[in-house]
Amino acid sequence: MSTAVTTTEFNLPGQKSVYHGKVRDVYNINDELLAMVVTDRISAFDVILPKGIPFKGQVLNQIAAKFLDATEDIVPNWKVATPDPMVTIGKKCEPLKVEVIIRGYITGSAWRDYKAGAREICGVKLAEGLRENEKFAQPIITPTTKADEGHDMNISREEIIAQGLVSKEDWEKIEDITRKLFARGTEIAAKRGLILVDTKYEFGKLDGQIILIDEIHTPDSSRYFYADGYQERFEKGEAQRQLSKEFVRQWLIDNNFMGQKGQTVPEMTDEKVKEISDRYIELYEHITGEKFVKDESADTAKRIENNLQNFLK
């Protein structure tokens, strides 16, 4: 199996700084462009897991690029070019300090909160009697703060506006854009036999304009169910077949790890790493309808650096 790229330390033309996130390494080029390297690191519960997942970065980057292109009629986005399968070059924007999560179904953390008795998430009231994986009458928007470190926290639209994180006018535009993006993503997924269950979007501003930034509709930022069998499984109260990172979280939960103090990440065997890699590739092929072509360079990090150097020259 190809070696995973888990770290990059490039020295690029015009480079002013580099930010190493949980999954991405972002190079600031002359305060004008960002070169985002989507590494093969994998995180869950805000913890970077000890082994990288081969081809994961390529999967995420290529899905995001396709969906940015497929939604640019709804909202302008930051993407300028993808000079390497694991890299997106984009315009440097001022990121807004909230992540916008939209949910079409009650599942994941929303379901865990609901089951524990919560009847309101991020200021959105929830009906009594909902069941796991049930479709909402209308998708709900449940934003979180964007933490530089540690956990993102749920926040309501009222708190966002009151705290001045986003102006009322901008927030109303963002909610409208979010619903349109989710509808487009839902429509594309349906053509591929999938249900877009929930997802997150990030926005920035450039010259006063709202811009879609980061990734979109990838398995790290979104959850998909298979449409076939959804209703039958829902009625029987069975787990849904899904394509998302949730299977990684579930494996960790089953092995008593949720990122809490004193907990240990279970052993990531070569078999487990390959299984996760295969699941990411499966999602790519399902959501795009295209065969995934593995870019198996002898030295992937060197290939990325060369492609970046050539583009930035």
C-alpha atoms as a PDB file:
ATOM      1  CA  MET A   1       0.000   0.000   0.000  1.00  0.00           C
ATOM      2  CA  SER A   2       1.151   3.539  -0.752  1.00  0.00           C
ATOM      3  CA  THR A   3       2.728   5.477   2.109  1.00  0.00           C
ATOM      4  CA  ALA A   4       0.514   8.059   3.798  1.00  0.00           C
ATOM      5  CA  VAL A   5       1.633  11.715   3.817  1.00  0.00           C
ATOM      6  CA  THR A   6       1.245  12.874   7.410  1.00  0.00           C
ATOM      7  CA  THR A   7       3.612  15.861   7.528  1.00  0.00           C
ATOM      8  CA  THR A   8       4.802  18.514   5.101  1.00  0.00           C
ATOM      9  CA  GLU A   9       7.493  21.128   5.629  1.00  0.00           C
ATOM     10  CA  PHE A  10       7.836  22.916   2.300  1.00  0.00           C
ATOM     11  CA  ASN A  11       9.637  26.126   1.472  1.00  0.00           C
ATOM     12  CA  LEU A  12       7.558  27.664  -1.312  1.00  0.00           C
ATOM     13  CA  PRO A  13       8.004  30.785  -3.461  1.00  0.00           C
ATOM     14  CA  GLY A  14       6.391  33.744  -1.670  1.00  0.00           C
ATOM     15  CA  GLN A  15       5.700  31.689   1.476  1.00  0.00           C
ATOM     16  CA  LYS A  16       5.018  33.885   4.512  1.00  0.00           C
ATOM     17  CA  SER A  17       3.821  31.276   7.021  1.00  0.00           C
ATOM     18  CA  VAL A  18       2.424  27.773   7.378  1.00  0.00           C
ATOM     19  CA  TYR A  19      -0.420  26.539   9.565  1.00  0.00           C
ATOM     20  CA  HIS A  20      -0.633  22.836  10.478  1.00  0.00           C
ATOM     21  CA  GLY A  21      -4.241  21.945  11.247  1.00  0.00           C
ATOM     22  CA  LYS A  22      -5.666  18.594  12.272  1.00  0.00           C
ATOM     23  CA  VAL A  23      -5.736  17.375   8.658  1.00  0.00           C
ATOM     24  CA  ARG A  24      -4.521  20.230   6.445  1.00  0.00           C
ATOM     25  CA  ASP A  25      -1.248  22.103   6.106  1.00  0.00           C
ATOM     26  CA  VAL A  26      -1.991  25.605   4.832  1.00  0.00           C
ATOM     27  CA  TYR A  27       0.766  27.726   3.305  1.00  0.00           C
ATOM     28  CA  ASN A  28       0.259  31.496   3.100  1.00  0.00           C
ATOM     29  CA  ILE A  29       1.644  32.793  -0.200  1.00  0.00           C
ATOM     30  CA  ASN A  30       2.249  36.566  -0.143  1.00  0.00           C
ATOM     31  CA  ASP A  31      -0.959  37.141   1.885  1.00  0.00           C
ATOM     32  CA  GLU A  32      -2.849  36.636  -1.389  1.00  0.00           C
ATOM     33  CA  LEU A  33      -3.126  32.886  -1.899  1.00  0.00           C
ATOM     34  CA  LEU A  34      -3.389  29.853   0.353  1.00  0.00           C
ATOM     35  CA  ALA A  35      -1.883  26.543  -0.719  1.00  0.00           C
ATOM     36  CA  MET A  36      -3.893  23.914   1.157  1.00  0.00           C
ATOM     37  CA  VAL A  37      -2.252  20.489   1.326  1.00  0.00           C
ATOM     38  CA  VAL A  38      -4.835  17.890   2.341  1.00  0.00           C
ATOM     39  CA  THR A  39      -2.660  15.356   4.157  1.00  0.00           C
ATOM     40  CA  ASP A  40      -3.506  11.745   4.972  1.00  0.00           C
ATOM     41  CA  ARG A  41      -3.798  12.543   8.687  1.00  0.00           C
ATOM     42  CA  ILE A  42      -7.095  11.512  10.233  1.00  0.00           C
ATOM     43  CA  SER A  43      -8.704  13.029  13.308  1.00  0.00           C
ATOM     44  CA  ALA A  44     -11.699  12.082  15.434  1.00  0.00           C
ATOM     45  CA  PHE A  45     -12.997  13.635  18.651  1.00  0.00           C
ATOM     46  CA  ASP A  46     -10.526  16.477  18.010  1.00  0.00           C
ATOM     47  CA  VAL A  47      -7.588  14.048  18.280  1.00  0.00           C
ATOM     48  CA  ILE A  48      -5.173  13.275  15.437  1.00  0.00           C
ATOM     49  CA  LEU A  49      -4.946   9.484  15.226  1.00  0.00           C
ATOM     50  CA  PRO A  50      -1.442   7.932  15.264  1.00  0.00           C
ATOM     51  CA  LYS A  51      -1.422   6.631  11.674  1.00  0.00           C
ATOM     52  CA  GLY A  52      -2.266   8.299   8.379  1.00  0.00           C
ATOM     53  CA  ILE A  53      -4.689   6.818   5.836  1.00  0.00           C
ATOM     54  CA  PRO A  54      -3.227   6.367   2.319  1.00  0.00           C
ATOM     55  CA  PHE A  55      -5.203   8.216  -0.427  1.00  0.00           C
ATOM     56  CA  LYS A  56      -7.491   9.929   2.121  1.00  0.00           C
ATOM     57  CA  GLY A  57      -6.056  13.366   1.281  1.00  0.00           C
ATOM     58  CA  GLN A  58      -6.482  12.752  -2.444  1.00  0.00           C
ATOM     59  CA  VAL A  59     -10.093  11.614  -1.915  1.00  0.00           C
ATOM     60  CA  LEU A  60     -11.016  14.656   0.185  1.00  0.00           C
ATOM     61  CA  ASN A  61      -9.284  17.170  -2.067  1.00  0.00           C
ATOM     62  CA  GLN A  62     -10.739  15.825  -5.302  1.00  0.00           C
ATOM     63  CA  ILE A  63     -14.315  15.546  -3.954  1.00  0.00           C
ATOM     64  CA  ALA A  64     -14.125  19.088  -2.546  1.00  0.00           C
ATOM     65  CA  ALA A  65     -12.804  20.455  -5.854  1.00  0.00           C
ATOM     66  CA  LYS A  66     -15.666  18.826  -7.787  1.00  0.00           C
ATOM     67  CA  PHE A  67     -18.314  20.191  -5.418  1.00  0.00           C
ATOM     68  CA  LEU A  68     -16.807  23.676  -5.351  1.00  0.00           C
ATOM     69  CA  ASP A  69     -17.065  23.694  -9.151  1.00  0.00           C
ATOM     70  CA  ALA A  70     -20.614  22.281  -9.007  1.00  0.00           C
ATOM     71  CA  THR A  71     -21.877  25.029  -6.664  1.00  0.00           C
ATOM     72  CA  GLU A  72     -20.093  28.181  -7.854  1.00  0.00           C
ATOM     73  CA  ASP A  73     -23.360  29.443  -9.387  1.00  0.00           C
ATOM     74  CA  ILE A  74     -24.814  29.560  -5.832  1.00  0.00           C
ATOM     75  CA  VAL A  75     -21.909  31.300  -4.080  1.00  0.00           C
ATOM     76  CA  PRO A  76     -18.375  32.316  -5.138  1.00  0.00           C
ATOM     77  CA  ASN A  77     -15.680  30.104  -3.602  1.00  0.00           C
ATOM     78  CA  TRP A  78     -12.013  30.391  -2.738  1.00  0.00           C
ATOM     79  CA  LYS A  79     -10.639  27.805  -5.216  1.00  0.00           C
ATOM     80  CA  VAL A  80      -8.193  28.976  -7.886  1.00  0.00           C
ATOM     81  CA  ALA A  81      -6.533  25.699  -8.969  1.00  0.00           C
ATOM     82  CA  THR A  82      -5.732  22.097  -7.982  1.00  0.00           C
ATOM     83  CA  PRO A  83      -2.112  21.665  -9.133  1.00  0.00           C
ATOM     84  CA  ASP A  84      -1.801  18.290  -7.354  1.00  0.00           C
ATOM     85  CA  PRO A  85      -4.332  15.593  -6.374  1.00  0.00           C
ATOM     86  CA  MET A  86      -3.781  16.551  -2.711  1.00  0.00           C
ATOM     87  CA  VAL A  87      -3.591  20.339  -3.087  1.00  0.00           C
ATOM     88  CA  THR A  88      -6.000  23.209  -3.618  1.00  0.00           C
ATOM     89  CA  ILE A  89      -4.720  26.746  -4.210  1.00  0.00           C
ATOM     90  CA  GLY A  90      -7.240  29.365  -3.200  1.00  0.00           C
ATOM     91  CA  LYS A  91      -7.787  33.035  -2.514  1.00  0.00           C
ATOM     92  CA  LYS A  92      -6.879  34.124   1.017  1.00  0.00           C
ATOM     93  CA  CYS A  93     -10.087  35.277   2.717  1.00  0.00           C
ATOM     94  CA  GLU A  94     -10.901  36.496   6.212  1.00  0.00           C
ATOM     95  CA  PRO A  95     -12.561  33.382   7.703  1.00  0.00           C
ATOM     96  CA  LEU A  96     -15.763  33.836   9.707  1.00  0.00           C
ATOM     97  CA  LYS A  97     -15.496  32.497  13.252  1.00  0.00           C
ATOM     98  CA  VAL A  98     -18.370  30.016  12.915  1.00  0.00           C
ATOM     99  CA  GLU A  99     -18.873  26.704  11.158  1.00  0.00           C
ATOM    100  CA  VAL A 100     -22.302  26.273   9.626  1.00  0.00           C
ATOM    101  CA  ILE A 101     -23.729  22.782  10.127  1.00  0.00           C
ATOM    102  CA  ILE A 102     -26.952  21.829   8.378  1.00  0.00           C
ATOM    103  CA  ARG A 103     -28.801  18.639   9.244  1.00  0.00           C
ATOM    104  CA  GLY A 104     -31.504  16.913   7.207  1.00  0.00           C
ATOM    105  CA  TYR A 105     -31.818  13.982   9.641  1.00  0.00           C
ATOM    106  CA  ILE A 106     -31.342  13.477  13.375  1.00  0.00           C
ATOM    107  CA  THR A 107     -28.272  11.326  13.849  1.00  0.00           C
ATOM    108  CA  GLY A 108     -24.735  11.436  15.249  1.00  0.00           C
ATOM    109  CA  SER A 109     -24.079  13.990  17.995  1.00  0.00           C
ATOM    110  CA  ALA A 110     -27.545  15.573  17.530  1.00  0.00           C
ATOM    111  CA  TRP A 111     -29.159  12.193  18.226  1.00  0.00           C
ATOM    112  CA  ARG A 112     -26.877  11.556  21.218  1.00  0.00           C
ATOM    113  CA  ASP A 113     -27.934  14.928  22.706  1.00  0.00           C
ATOM    114  CA  TYR A 114     -31.619  14.301  21.920  1.00  0.00           C
ATOM    115  CA  LYS A 115     -31.506  10.827  23.473  1.00  0.00           C
ATOM    116  CA  ALA A 116     -29.977  12.395  26.595  1.00  0.00           C
ATOM    117  CA  GLY A 117     -33.009  14.701  26.869  1.00  0.00           C
ATOM    118  CA  ALA A 118     -32.105  17.811  24.832  1.00  0.00           C
ATOM    119  CA  ARG A 119     -35.066  19.278  22.944  1.00  0.00           C
ATOM    120  CA  GLU A 120     -33.216  22.257  21.536  1.00  0.00           C
ATOM    121  CA  ILE A 121     -29.959  22.425  19.592  1.00  0.00           C
ATOM    122  CA  CYS A 122     -28.335  25.783  18.843  1.00  0.00           C
ATOM    123  CA  GLY A 123     -31.600  27.563  19.585  1.00  0.00           C
ATOM    124  CA  VAL A 124     -33.578  25.266  17.237  1.00  0.00           C
ATOM    125  CA  LYS A 125     -36.527  23.569  19.007  1.00  0.00           C
ATOM    126  CA  LEU A 126     -36.943  19.848  18.315  1.00  0.00           C
ATOM    127  CA  ALA A 127     -40.233  17.942  18.325  1.00  0.00           C
ATOM    128  CA  GLU A 128     -40.979  15.191  20.829  1.00  0.00           C
ATOM    129  CA  GLY A 129     -40.952  11.579  19.716  1.00  0.00           C
ATOM    130  CA  LEU A 130     -38.188  11.759  17.101  1.00  0.00           C
ATOM    131  CA  ARG A 131     -36.380   8.510  16.331  1.00  0.00           C
ATOM    132  CA  GLU A 132     -32.742   7.984  15.391  1.00  0.00           C
ATOM    133  CA  ASN A 133     -32.030   8.776  11.694  1.00  0.00           C
ATOM    134  CA  GLU A 134     -35.482  10.336  11.200  1.00  0.00           C
ATOM    135  CA  LYS A 135     -35.770  13.025   8.530  1.00  0.00           C
ATOM    136  CA  PHE A 136     -36.558  16.522   9.791  1.00  0.00           C
ATOM    137  CA  ALA A 137     -39.603  18.238   8.246  1.00  0.00           C
ATOM    138  CA  GLN A 138     -37.109  20.906   7.108  1.00  0.00           C
ATOM    139  CA  PRO A 139     -33.302  20.823   7.403  1.00  0.00           C
ATOM    140  CA  ILE A 140     -32.066  22.632  10.533  1.00  0.00           C
ATOM    141  CA  ILE A 141     -28.981  24.848  10.820  1.00  0.00           C
ATOM    142  CA  THR A 142     -26.914  24.200  13.968  1.00  0.00           C
ATOM    143  CA  PRO A 143     -23.764  26.363  13.936  1.00  0.00           C
ATOM    144  CA  THR A 144     -20.676  25.909  16.091  1.00  0.00           C
ATOM    145  CA  THR A 145     -17.928  28.268  17.107  1.00  0.00           C
ATOM    146  CA  LYS A 146     -14.650  27.698  15.308  1.00  0.00           C
ATOM    147  CA  ALA A 147     -12.117  26.889  17.994  1.00  0.00           C
ATOM    148  CA  ASP A 148      -8.419  27.422  17.267  1.00  0.00           C
ATOM    149  CA  GLU A 149      -7.773  24.721  19.852  1.00  0.00           C
ATOM    150  CA  GLY A 150      -9.984  22.158  21.588  1.00  0.00           C
ATOM    151  CA  HIS A 151     -13.649  21.536  20.907  1.00  0.00           C
ATOM    152  CA  ASP A 152     -15.981  23.619  18.755  1.00  0.00           C
ATOM    153  CA  MET A 153     -19.035  24.695  20.788  1.00  0.00           C
ATOM    154  CA  ASN A 154     -22.681  24.829  19.709  1.00  0.00           C
ATOM    155  CA  ILE A 155     -24.013  28.368  19.281  1.00  0.00           C
ATOM    156  CA  SER A 156     -27.362  29.841  18.225  1.00  0.00           C
ATOM    157  CA  ARG A 157     -27.958  32.366  15.441  1.00  0.00           C
ATOM    158  CA  GLU A 158     -29.022  34.881  18.111  1.00  0.00           C
ATOM    159  CA  GLU A 159     -25.719  34.433  19.988  1.00  0.00           C
ATOM    160  CA  ILE A 160     -23.702  34.718  16.753  1.00  0.00           C
ATOM    161  CA  ILE A 161     -25.337  38.064  15.960  1.00  0.00           C
ATOM    162  CA  ALA A 162     -25.294  39.333  19.591  1.00  0.00           C
ATOM    163  CA  GLN A 163     -21.581  38.516  19.963  1.00  0.00           C
ATOM    164  CA  GLY A 164     -20.790  40.249  16.672  1.00  0.00           C
ATOM    165  CA  LEU A 165     -19.227  37.095  15.193  1.00  0.00           C
ATOM    166  CA  VAL A 166     -21.257  37.751  11.999  1.00  0.00           C
ATOM    167  CA  SER A 167     -23.571  40.665  11.232  1.00  0.00           C
ATOM    168  CA  LYS A 168     -27.323  40.012  11.058  1.00  0.00           C
ATOM    169  CA  GLU A 169     -27.357  40.861   7.350  1.00  0.00           C
ATOM    170  CA  ASP A 170     -24.455  38.523   6.569  1.00  0.00           C
ATOM    171  CA  TRP A 171     -25.886  35.716   8.729  1.00  0.00           C
ATOM    172  CA  GLU A 172     -29.213  35.837   6.885  1.00  0.00           C
ATOM    173  CA  LYS A 173     -27.340  35.582   3.565  1.00  0.00           C
ATOM    174  CA  ILE A 174     -25.253  32.682   4.915  1.00  0.00           C
ATOM    175  CA  GLU A 175     -28.354  30.770   6.045  1.00  0.00           C
ATOM    176  CA  ASP A 176     -29.889  31.209   2.587  1.00  0.00           C
ATOM    177  CA  ILE A 177     -26.669  30.089   0.837  1.00  0.00           C
ATOM    178  CA  THR A 178     -26.355  27.111   3.225  1.00  0.00           C
ATOM    179  CA  ARG A 179     -29.858  25.860   2.397  1.00  0.00           C
ATOM    180  CA  LYS A 180     -29.189  26.202  -1.339  1.00  0.00           C
ATOM    181  CA  LEU A 181     -25.838  24.383  -1.101  1.00  0.00           C
ATOM    182  CA  PHE A 182     -27.446  21.573   0.910  1.00  0.00           C
ATOM    183  CA  ALA A 183     -30.278  21.273  -1.632  1.00  0.00           C
ATOM    184  CA  ARG A 184     -27.721  21.034  -4.472  1.00  0.00           C
ATOM    185  CA  GLY A 185     -25.663  18.453  -2.561  1.00  0.00           C
ATOM    186  CA  THR A 186     -28.835  16.469  -1.808  1.00  0.00           C
ATOM    187  CA  GLU A 187     -29.820  16.486  -5.474  1.00  0.00           C
ATOM    188  CA  ILE A 188     -26.360  15.304  -6.641  1.00  0.00           C
ATOM    189  CA  ALA A 189     -26.242  12.594  -3.937  1.00  0.00           C
ATOM    190  CA  ALA A 190     -29.724  11.329  -4.894  1.00  0.00           C
ATOM    191  CA  LYS A 191     -28.568  10.762  -8.482  1.00  0.00           C
ATOM    192  CA  ARG A 192     -25.881   8.483  -7.056  1.00  0.00           C
ATOM    193  CA  GLY A 193     -28.239   6.531  -4.770  1.00  0.00           C
ATOM    194  CA  LEU A 194     -27.142   8.385  -1.644  1.00  0.00           C
ATOM    195  CA  ILE A 195     -28.777  10.634   0.956  1.00  0.00           C
ATOM    196  CA  LEU A 196     -26.814  13.702   2.104  1.00  0.00           C
ATOM    197  CA  VAL A 197     -27.668  13.511   5.809  1.00  0.00           C
ATOM    198  CA  ASP A 198     -25.755  16.464   7.245  1.00  0.00           C
ATOM    199  CA  THR A 199     -22.741  18.573   6.394  1.00  0.00           C
ATOM    200  CA  LYS A 200     -20.751  21.623   7.409  1.00  0.00           C
ATOM    201  CA  TYR A 201     -19.757  24.697   5.438  1.00  0.00           C
ATOM    202  CA  GLU A 202     -17.202  27.379   6.201  1.00  0.00           C
ATOM    203  CA  PHE A 203     -17.324  30.914   4.877  1.00  0.00           C
ATOM    204  CA  GLY A 204     -14.985  33.862   4.651  1.00  0.00           C
ATOM    205  CA  LYS A 205     -15.104  37.393   3.312  1.00  0.00           C
ATOM    206  CA  LEU A 206     -13.053  38.871   0.512  1.00  0.00           C
ATOM    207  CA  ASP A 207     -13.497  42.514  -0.508  1.00  0.00           C
ATOM    208  CA  GLY A 208     -16.776  42.585   1.423  1.00  0.00           C
ATOM    209  CA  GLN A 209     -18.184  39.531  -0.369  1.00  0.00           C
ATOM    210  CA  ILE A 210     -19.169  36.231   1.287  1.00  0.00           C
ATOM    211  CA  ILE A 211     -17.009  33.397  -0.083  1.00  0.00           C
ATOM    212  CA  LEU A 212     -17.315  29.636   0.455  1.00  0.00           C
ATOM    213  CA  ILE A 213     -13.987  28.304   1.750  1.00  0.00           C
ATOM    214  CA  ASP A 214     -12.379  25.013   2.830  1.00  0.00           C
ATOM    215  CA  GLU A 215     -13.864  21.659   1.768  1.00  0.00           C
ATOM    216  CA  ILE A 216     -17.447  20.819   0.813  1.00  0.00           C
ATOM    217  CA  HIS A 217     -19.495  17.583   0.769  1.00  0.00           C
ATOM    218  CA  THR A 218     -16.526  15.330   1.607  1.00  0.00           C
ATOM    219  CA  PRO A 219     -16.748  12.310   3.947  1.00  0.00           C
ATOM    220  CA  ASP A 220     -14.913  14.327   6.609  1.00  0.00           C
ATOM    221  CA  SER A 221     -17.373  17.228   6.522  1.00  0.00           C
ATOM    222  CA  SER A 222     -20.536  15.297   5.620  1.00  0.00           C
ATOM    223  CA  ARG A 223     -22.500  12.169   6.349  1.00  0.00           C
ATOM    224  CA  TYR A 224     -24.170  10.091   3.646  1.00  0.00           C
ATOM    225  CA  PHE A 225     -26.650   7.195   3.933  1.00  0.00           C
ATOM    226  CA  TYR A 226     -27.346   4.729   1.146  1.00  0.00           C
ATOM    227  CA  ALA A 227     -30.852   5.557  -0.123  1.00  0.00           C
ATOM    228  CA  ASP A 228     -31.586   1.902  -0.901  1.00  0.00           C
ATOM    229  CA  GLY A 229     -32.938   0.307   2.271  1.00  0.00           C
ATOM    230  CA  TYR A 230     -33.044   3.564   4.275  1.00  0.00           C
ATOM    231  CA  GLN A 231     -36.785   3.436   4.973  1.00  0.00           C
ATOM    232  CA  GLU A 232     -36.850  -0.263   5.836  1.00  0.00           C
ATOM    233  CA  ARG A 233     -33.903   0.090   8.222  1.00  0.00           C
ATOM    234  CA  PHE A 234     -35.435   3.196   9.790  1.00  0.00           C
ATOM    235  CA  GLU A 235     -38.761   1.452  10.402  1.00  0.00           C
ATOM    236  CA  LYS A 236     -37.001  -1.538  11.982  1.00  0.00           C
ATOM    237  CA  GLY A 237     -34.787   0.732  14.106  1.00  0.00           C
ATOM    238  CA  GLU A 238     -31.674  -0.707  12.473  1.00  0.00           C
ATOM    239  CA  ALA A 239     -28.393   1.143  11.895  1.00  0.00           C
ATOM    240  CA  GLN A 240     -28.185   2.807   8.480  1.00  0.00           C
ATOM    241  CA  ARG A 241     -25.558   1.868   5.920  1.00  0.00           C
ATOM    242  CA  GLN A 242     -23.513   5.010   5.679  1.00  0.00           C
ATOM    243  CA  LEU A 243     -20.565   6.535   3.924  1.00  0.00           C
ATOM    244  CA  SER A 244     -18.866   9.026   6.209  1.00  0.00           C
ATOM    245  CA  LYS A 245     -16.189   9.245   8.857  1.00  0.00           C
ATOM    246  CA  GLU A 246     -18.773   8.073  11.412  1.00  0.00           C
ATOM    247  CA  PHE A 247     -17.575   4.460  11.017  1.00  0.00           C
ATOM    248  CA  VAL A 248     -14.163   5.595  12.336  1.00  0.00           C
ATOM    249  CA  ARG A 249     -15.792   7.344  15.314  1.00  0.00           C
ATOM    250  CA  GLN A 250     -17.923   4.266  15.980  1.00  0.00           C
ATOM    251  CA  TRP A 251     -14.857   2.002  15.939  1.00  0.00           C
ATOM    252  CA  LEU A 252     -13.186   4.307  18.470  1.00  0.00           C
ATOM    253  CA  ILE A 253     -16.316   4.418  20.682  1.00  0.00           C
ATOM    254  CA  ASP A 254     -16.559   0.606  20.557  1.00  0.00           C
ATOM    255  CA  ASN A 255     -12.954   0.538  21.796  1.00  0.00           C
ATOM    256  CA  ASN A 256     -13.649   2.984  24.650  1.00  0.00           C
ATOM    257  CA  PHE A 257     -12.103   6.072  23.072  1.00  0.00           C
ATOM    258  CA  MET A 258     -13.928   9.403  22.761  1.00  0.00           C
ATOM    259  CA  GLY A 259     -10.987  11.768  23.170  1.00  0.00           C
ATOM    260  CA  GLN A 260     -11.413  12.017  26.952  1.00  0.00           C
ATOM    261  CA  LYS A 261      -8.506  12.387  29.353  1.00  0.00           C
ATOM    262  CA  GLY A 262      -6.891   9.061  30.224  1.00  0.00           C
ATOM    263  CA  GLN A 263      -8.376   7.226  27.220  1.00  0.00           C
ATOM    264  CA  THR A 264      -6.049   5.479  24.760  1.00  0.00           C
ATOM    265  CA  VAL A 265      -6.497   5.290  20.991  1.00  0.00           C
ATOM    266  CA  PRO A 266      -6.975   1.611  20.041  1.00  0.00           C
ATOM    267  CA  GLU A 267      -4.228  -0.019  17.981  1.00  0.00           C
ATOM    268  CA  MET A 268      -4.420   0.925  14.306  1.00  0.00           C
ATOM    269  CA  THR A 269      -3.346  -2.285  12.582  1.00  0.00           C
ATOM    270  CA  ASP A 270      -2.347  -2.317   8.905  1.00  0.00           C
ATOM    271  CA  GLU A 271      -5.664  -4.088   8.234  1.00  0.00           C
ATOM    272  CA  LYS A 272      -7.634  -1.318   9.987  1.00  0.00           C
ATOM    273  CA  VAL A 273      -5.712   1.400   8.086  1.00  0.00           C
ATOM    274  CA  LYS A 274      -6.424  -0.365   4.752  1.00  0.00           C
ATOM    275  CA  GLU A 275     -10.097  -0.804   5.671  1.00  0.00           C
ATOM    276  CA  ILE A 276     -10.445   2.931   6.393  1.00  0.00           C
ATOM    277  CA  SER A 277      -8.607   3.794   3.155  1.00  0.00           C
ATOM    278  CA  ASP A 278     -10.902   1.487   1.158  1.00  0.00           C
ATOM    279  CA  ARG A 279     -13.987   3.107   2.714  1.00  0.00           C
ATOM    280  CA  TYR A 280     -12.804   6.581   1.700  1.00  0.00           C
ATOM    281  CA  ILE A 281     -12.200   5.396  -1.877  1.00  0.00           C
ATOM    282  CA  GLU A 282     -15.649   3.747  -1.900  1.00  0.00           C
ATOM    283  CA  LEU A 283     -17.258   7.059  -0.970  1.00  0.00           C
ATOM    284  CA  TYR A 284     -15.323   8.877  -3.684  1.00  0.00           C
ATOM    285  CA  GLU A 285     -16.577   6.465  -6.343  1.00  0.00           C
ATOM    286  CA  HIS A 286     -20.158   6.571  -5.068  1.00  0.00           C
ATOM    287  CA  ILE A 287     -20.466  10.328  -4.740  1.00  0.00           C
ATOM    288  CA  THR A 288     -18.650  11.236  -7.981  1.00  0.00           C
ATOM    289  CA  GLY A 289     -19.725   8.263 -10.095  1.00  0.00           C
ATOM    290  CA  GLU A 290     -16.107   8.009 -11.280  1.00  0.00           C
ATOM    291  CA  LYS A 291     -13.410   5.412 -10.775  1.00  0.00           C
ATOM    292  CA  PHE A 292     -10.824   6.560  -8.255  1.00  0.00           C
ATOM    293  CA  VAL A 293      -7.350   6.678  -9.795  1.00  0.00           C
ATOM    294  CA  LYS A 294      -4.714   6.195  -7.102  1.00  0.00           C
ATOM    295  CA  ASP A 295      -1.776   8.533  -7.554  1.00  0.00           C
ATOM    296  CA  GLU A 296       0.969   6.161  -6.422  1.00  0.00           C
ATOM    297  CA  SER A 297       4.159   8.212  -6.661  1.00  0.00           C
ATOM    298  CA  ALA A 298       7.346   6.754  -5.219  1.00  0.00           C
ATOM    299  CA  ASP A 299       7.659   9.906  -3.066  1.00  0.00           C
ATOM    300  CA  THR A 300       4.257  11.564  -2.720  1.00  0.00           C
ATOM    301  CA  ALA A 301       5.497  14.468  -0.586  1.00  0.00           C
ATOM    302  CA  LYS A 302       8.159  15.284  -3.196  1.00  0.00           C
ATOM    303  CA  ARG A 303       5.557  15.155  -5.989  1.00  0.00           C
ATOM    304  CA  ILE A 304       3.338  17.594  -4.052  1.00  0.00           C
ATOM    305  CA  GLU A 305       6.244  19.965  -3.460  1.00  0.00           C
ATOM    306  CA  ASN A 306       7.328  19.876  -7.130  1.00  0.00           C
ATOM    307  CA  ASN A 307       3.767  20.552  -8.347  1.00  0.00           C
ATOM    308  CA  LEU A 308       3.421  23.462  -5.916  1.00  0.00           C
ATOM    309  CA  GLN A 309       6.812  24.927  -6.879  1.00  0.00           C
ATOM    310  CA  ASN A 310       5.917  24.714 -10.588  1.00  0.00           C
ATOM    311  CA  PHE A 311       2.509  26.323 -10.086  1.00  0.00           C
ATOM    312  CA  LEU A 312       3.792  29.170  -7.908  1.00  0.00           C
ATOM    313  CA  LYS A 313       6.646  30.028 -10.279  1.00  0.00           C
END
